[in-house]
């Protein structure tokens, strides 16, 4: 397991799937804001890659986020769109509603940076988030990500177009914290 100050990232376990399905992917508003496509229901036993243990798409490394104190499932995180030639990837995360507002997002971003830069040897990490997602923007910027641009009206979310912010971080600009 990769450890931050408050959370750890580990492989996804079978017992994580019902909670992730119920609290993240079956939540129409949350899923619509987090995914790049329209919400759709996920059937139990589905081969949906977001809930897969064995069918992970190439170029993606999914993790379950767990609280270090007690080991409780806190959400999901991923390094995705991994480009080994250009040594870049995107990061993403989703915290369960009960785990928001506790600083876990900032910690997850830090651990994903450690994984991307130290373990994978990447040069650049990037994230995209809705412009009104203040918590994600704060978590990214606390970890050194720089706002590189705004994609105006680029995300169709629940009946309206919203702006997305693109943030990037280069290995040489990253300030490594105490992650193991």
Protein backbone atom coordinates (compact mmCIF):
# COMPACT_ATOMS: atom_id res chain seq x y z
CA UNK A 1 0.00 0.00 0.00
CA UNK A 2 1.11 3.55 -0.73
CA UNK A 3 0.66 5.73 2.36
CA UNK A 4 0.04 9.42 2.82
CA UNK A 5 -0.56 11.27 6.06
CA UNK A 6 -4.25 10.33 6.35
CA UNK A 7 -5.01 7.82 3.61
CA UNK A 8 -3.49 4.91 1.80
CA UNK A 9 -3.90 3.71 -1.78
CA UNK A 10 -4.20 -0.02 -2.31
CA UNK A 11 -5.46 -2.44 -4.92
CA UNK A 12 -9.21 -2.56 -5.34
CA UNK A 13 -10.81 -5.47 -3.46
CA UNK A 14 -14.02 -7.31 -4.29
CA UNK A 15 -15.61 -6.07 -1.07
CA UNK A 16 -15.00 -2.43 -2.15
CA UNK A 17 -17.27 -2.73 -5.18
CA UNK A 18 -20.73 -2.58 -3.52
CA UNK A 19 -19.81 0.58 -1.58
CA UNK A 20 -18.22 2.28 -4.59
CA UNK A 21 -21.25 1.37 -6.72
CA UNK A 22 -23.79 2.61 -4.15
CA UNK A 23 -22.04 5.76 -2.95
CA UNK A 24 -20.22 6.98 -6.06
CA UNK A 25 -21.50 5.46 -9.30
CA UNK A 26 -25.22 5.10 -8.48
CA UNK A 27 -25.31 8.75 -7.30
CA UNK A 28 -26.55 10.50 -10.46
CA UNK A 29 -25.32 13.99 -9.54
CA UNK A 30 -21.90 12.90 -8.25
CA UNK A 31 -21.27 10.53 -11.15
CA UNK A 32 -22.42 13.10 -13.72
CA UNK A 33 -19.99 15.65 -12.34
CA UNK A 34 -17.07 13.20 -12.07
CA UNK A 35 -17.29 11.27 -15.33
CA UNK A 36 -16.67 12.52 -18.86
CA UNK A 37 -19.85 10.91 -20.18
CA UNK A 38 -23.49 10.76 -19.18
CA UNK A 39 -24.53 8.85 -16.07
CA UNK A 40 -25.85 5.36 -16.64
CA UNK A 41 -26.81 2.70 -14.13
CA UNK A 42 -24.22 0.02 -13.37
CA UNK A 43 -25.62 -3.48 -12.94
CA UNK A 44 -24.24 -5.76 -10.24
CA UNK A 45 -21.68 -8.06 -11.85
CA UNK A 46 -21.17 -5.57 -14.69
CA UNK A 47 -17.86 -5.47 -16.54
CA UNK A 48 -17.82 -1.68 -16.12
CA UNK A 49 -14.07 -0.84 -15.95
CA UNK A 50 -14.63 1.61 -13.07
CA UNK A 51 -15.67 -1.37 -10.93
CA UNK A 52 -13.44 -3.99 -12.44
CA UNK A 53 -10.80 -5.97 -10.63
CA UNK A 54 -9.30 -7.74 -13.62
CA UNK A 55 -10.39 -5.84 -16.73
CA UNK A 56 -8.52 -2.60 -16.11
CA UNK A 57 -8.06 -0.67 -19.36
CA UNK A 58 -4.46 -0.41 -20.56
CA UNK A 59 -2.84 2.80 -19.39
CA UNK A 60 -4.85 2.96 -16.18
CA UNK A 61 -3.98 2.06 -12.58
CA UNK A 62 -7.01 2.08 -10.25
CA UNK A 63 -6.69 2.25 -6.48
CA UNK A 64 -9.05 2.09 -3.54
CA UNK A 65 -8.55 4.90 -1.04
CA UNK A 66 -8.60 3.79 2.60
CA UNK A 67 -8.35 5.72 5.84
CA UNK A 68 -5.08 4.85 7.56
CA UNK A 69 -6.76 4.95 10.94
CA UNK A 70 -9.05 1.91 10.82
CA UNK A 71 -8.63 0.93 7.16
CA UNK A 72 -12.15 2.07 6.16
CA UNK A 73 -12.83 2.50 2.45
CA UNK A 74 -12.83 6.24 1.65
CA UNK A 75 -13.09 6.28 -2.15
CA UNK A 76 -11.30 5.62 -5.38
CA UNK A 77 -8.28 7.09 -7.17
CA UNK A 78 -6.50 6.42 -10.44
CA UNK A 79 -3.59 7.26 -12.63
CA UNK A 80 -5.06 7.06 -16.13
CA UNK A 81 -4.18 7.97 -19.69
CA UNK A 82 -0.63 6.84 -18.94
CA UNK A 83 1.63 7.71 -21.87
CA UNK A 84 4.94 5.91 -21.38
CA UNK A 85 6.55 7.56 -24.41
CA UNK A 86 5.90 11.13 -23.24
CA UNK A 87 6.06 10.08 -19.57
CA UNK A 88 2.78 11.68 -18.64
CA UNK A 89 -0.53 10.69 -17.09
CA UNK A 90 -3.76 12.09 -15.67
CA UNK A 91 -4.92 11.71 -12.10
CA UNK A 92 -8.42 11.39 -10.76
CA UNK A 93 -10.17 10.62 -7.53
CA UNK A 94 -13.59 10.26 -5.97
CA UNK A 95 -14.25 10.33 -2.25
CA UNK A 96 -17.28 8.82 -0.57
CA UNK A 97 -19.65 11.53 0.74
CA UNK A 98 -18.82 10.72 4.37
CA UNK A 99 -15.09 11.21 3.66
CA UNK A 100 -15.25 14.67 2.10
CA UNK A 101 -14.04 17.78 3.90
CA UNK A 102 -11.39 15.95 5.93
CA UNK A 103 -8.30 16.77 3.85
CA UNK A 104 -8.28 13.35 2.23
CA UNK A 105 -8.36 14.78 -1.31
CA UNK A 106 -5.13 16.70 -0.79
CA UNK A 107 -3.53 13.58 0.66
CA UNK A 108 -4.74 11.38 -2.22
CA UNK A 109 -3.30 13.82 -4.77
CA UNK A 110 0.03 13.77 -2.89
CA UNK A 111 0.15 9.96 -2.91
CA UNK A 112 -0.78 9.83 -6.62
CA UNK A 113 2.05 12.30 -7.33
CA UNK A 114 4.46 10.06 -5.43
CA UNK A 115 3.27 7.06 -7.42
CA UNK A 116 3.49 8.90 -10.74
CA UNK A 117 6.83 10.64 -10.25
CA UNK A 118 8.75 8.24 -8.00
CA UNK A 119 7.35 4.79 -8.75
CA UNK A 120 6.50 5.29 -12.47
CA UNK A 121 9.20 7.85 -13.33
CA UNK A 122 6.76 10.18 -15.09
CA UNK A 123 7.64 13.74 -16.10
CA UNK A 124 4.15 15.32 -16.07
CA UNK A 125 0.86 14.79 -14.28
CA UNK A 126 -2.34 16.49 -15.33
CA UNK A 127 -5.85 16.77 -13.99
CA UNK A 128 -9.06 18.26 -15.23
CA UNK A 129 -11.93 19.30 -12.98
CA UNK A 130 -15.08 21.36 -13.20
CA UNK A 131 -14.38 25.02 -12.53
CA UNK A 132 -16.80 25.04 -9.57
CA UNK A 133 -15.09 22.08 -7.85
CA UNK A 134 -13.33 24.22 -5.23
CA UNK A 135 -12.24 21.22 -3.14
CA UNK A 136 -10.44 19.54 -6.05
CA UNK A 137 -8.84 22.79 -7.19
CA UNK A 138 -7.58 23.38 -3.62
CA UNK A 139 -6.23 19.82 -3.34
CA UNK A 140 -4.38 20.15 -6.65
CA UNK A 141 -2.90 23.57 -5.92
CA UNK A 142 -1.78 22.52 -2.41
CA UNK A 143 0.25 19.83 -4.15
CA UNK A 144 1.87 22.28 -6.58
CA UNK A 145 -0.40 21.89 -9.60
CA UNK A 146 -0.64 25.02 -11.74
CA UNK A 147 -3.77 26.14 -13.58
CA UNK A 148 -2.85 25.91 -17.23
CA UNK A 149 -6.14 26.85 -18.81
CA UNK A 150 -9.89 26.76 -18.88
CA UNK A 151 -11.86 24.72 -21.38
CA UNK A 152 -14.93 26.90 -21.76
CA UNK A 153 -18.30 25.11 -21.77
CA UNK A 154 -16.57 21.79 -22.40
CA UNK A 155 -18.49 19.55 -19.99
CA UNK A 156 -22.17 18.72 -20.41
CA UNK A 157 -23.40 18.11 -16.85
CA UNK A 158 -27.05 17.55 -15.97
CA UNK A 159 -28.50 19.84 -18.62
CA UNK A 160 -25.88 22.57 -18.81
CA UNK A 161 -22.40 23.20 -20.15
CA UNK A 162 -19.75 23.87 -17.51
CA UNK A 163 -16.16 25.06 -17.77
CA UNK A 164 -13.30 22.71 -16.93
CA UNK A 165 -9.94 23.75 -15.48
CA UNK A 166 -6.78 22.00 -16.69
CA UNK A 167 -3.99 21.75 -14.12
CA UNK A 168 -0.49 20.38 -14.58
CA UNK A 169 2.53 19.50 -12.48
CA UNK A 170 6.04 18.68 -13.69
CA UNK A 171 8.38 16.36 -11.80
CA UNK A 172 10.95 19.12 -11.24
CA UNK A 173 8.29 21.41 -9.69
CA UNK A 174 6.90 18.77 -7.35
CA UNK A 175 7.71 19.09 -3.66
CA UNK A 176 7.75 15.53 -2.38
CA UNK A 177 6.09 15.00 0.98
CA UNK A 178 6.45 12.13 3.46
CA UNK A 179 4.72 9.44 1.35
CA UNK A 180 5.70 5.77 1.52
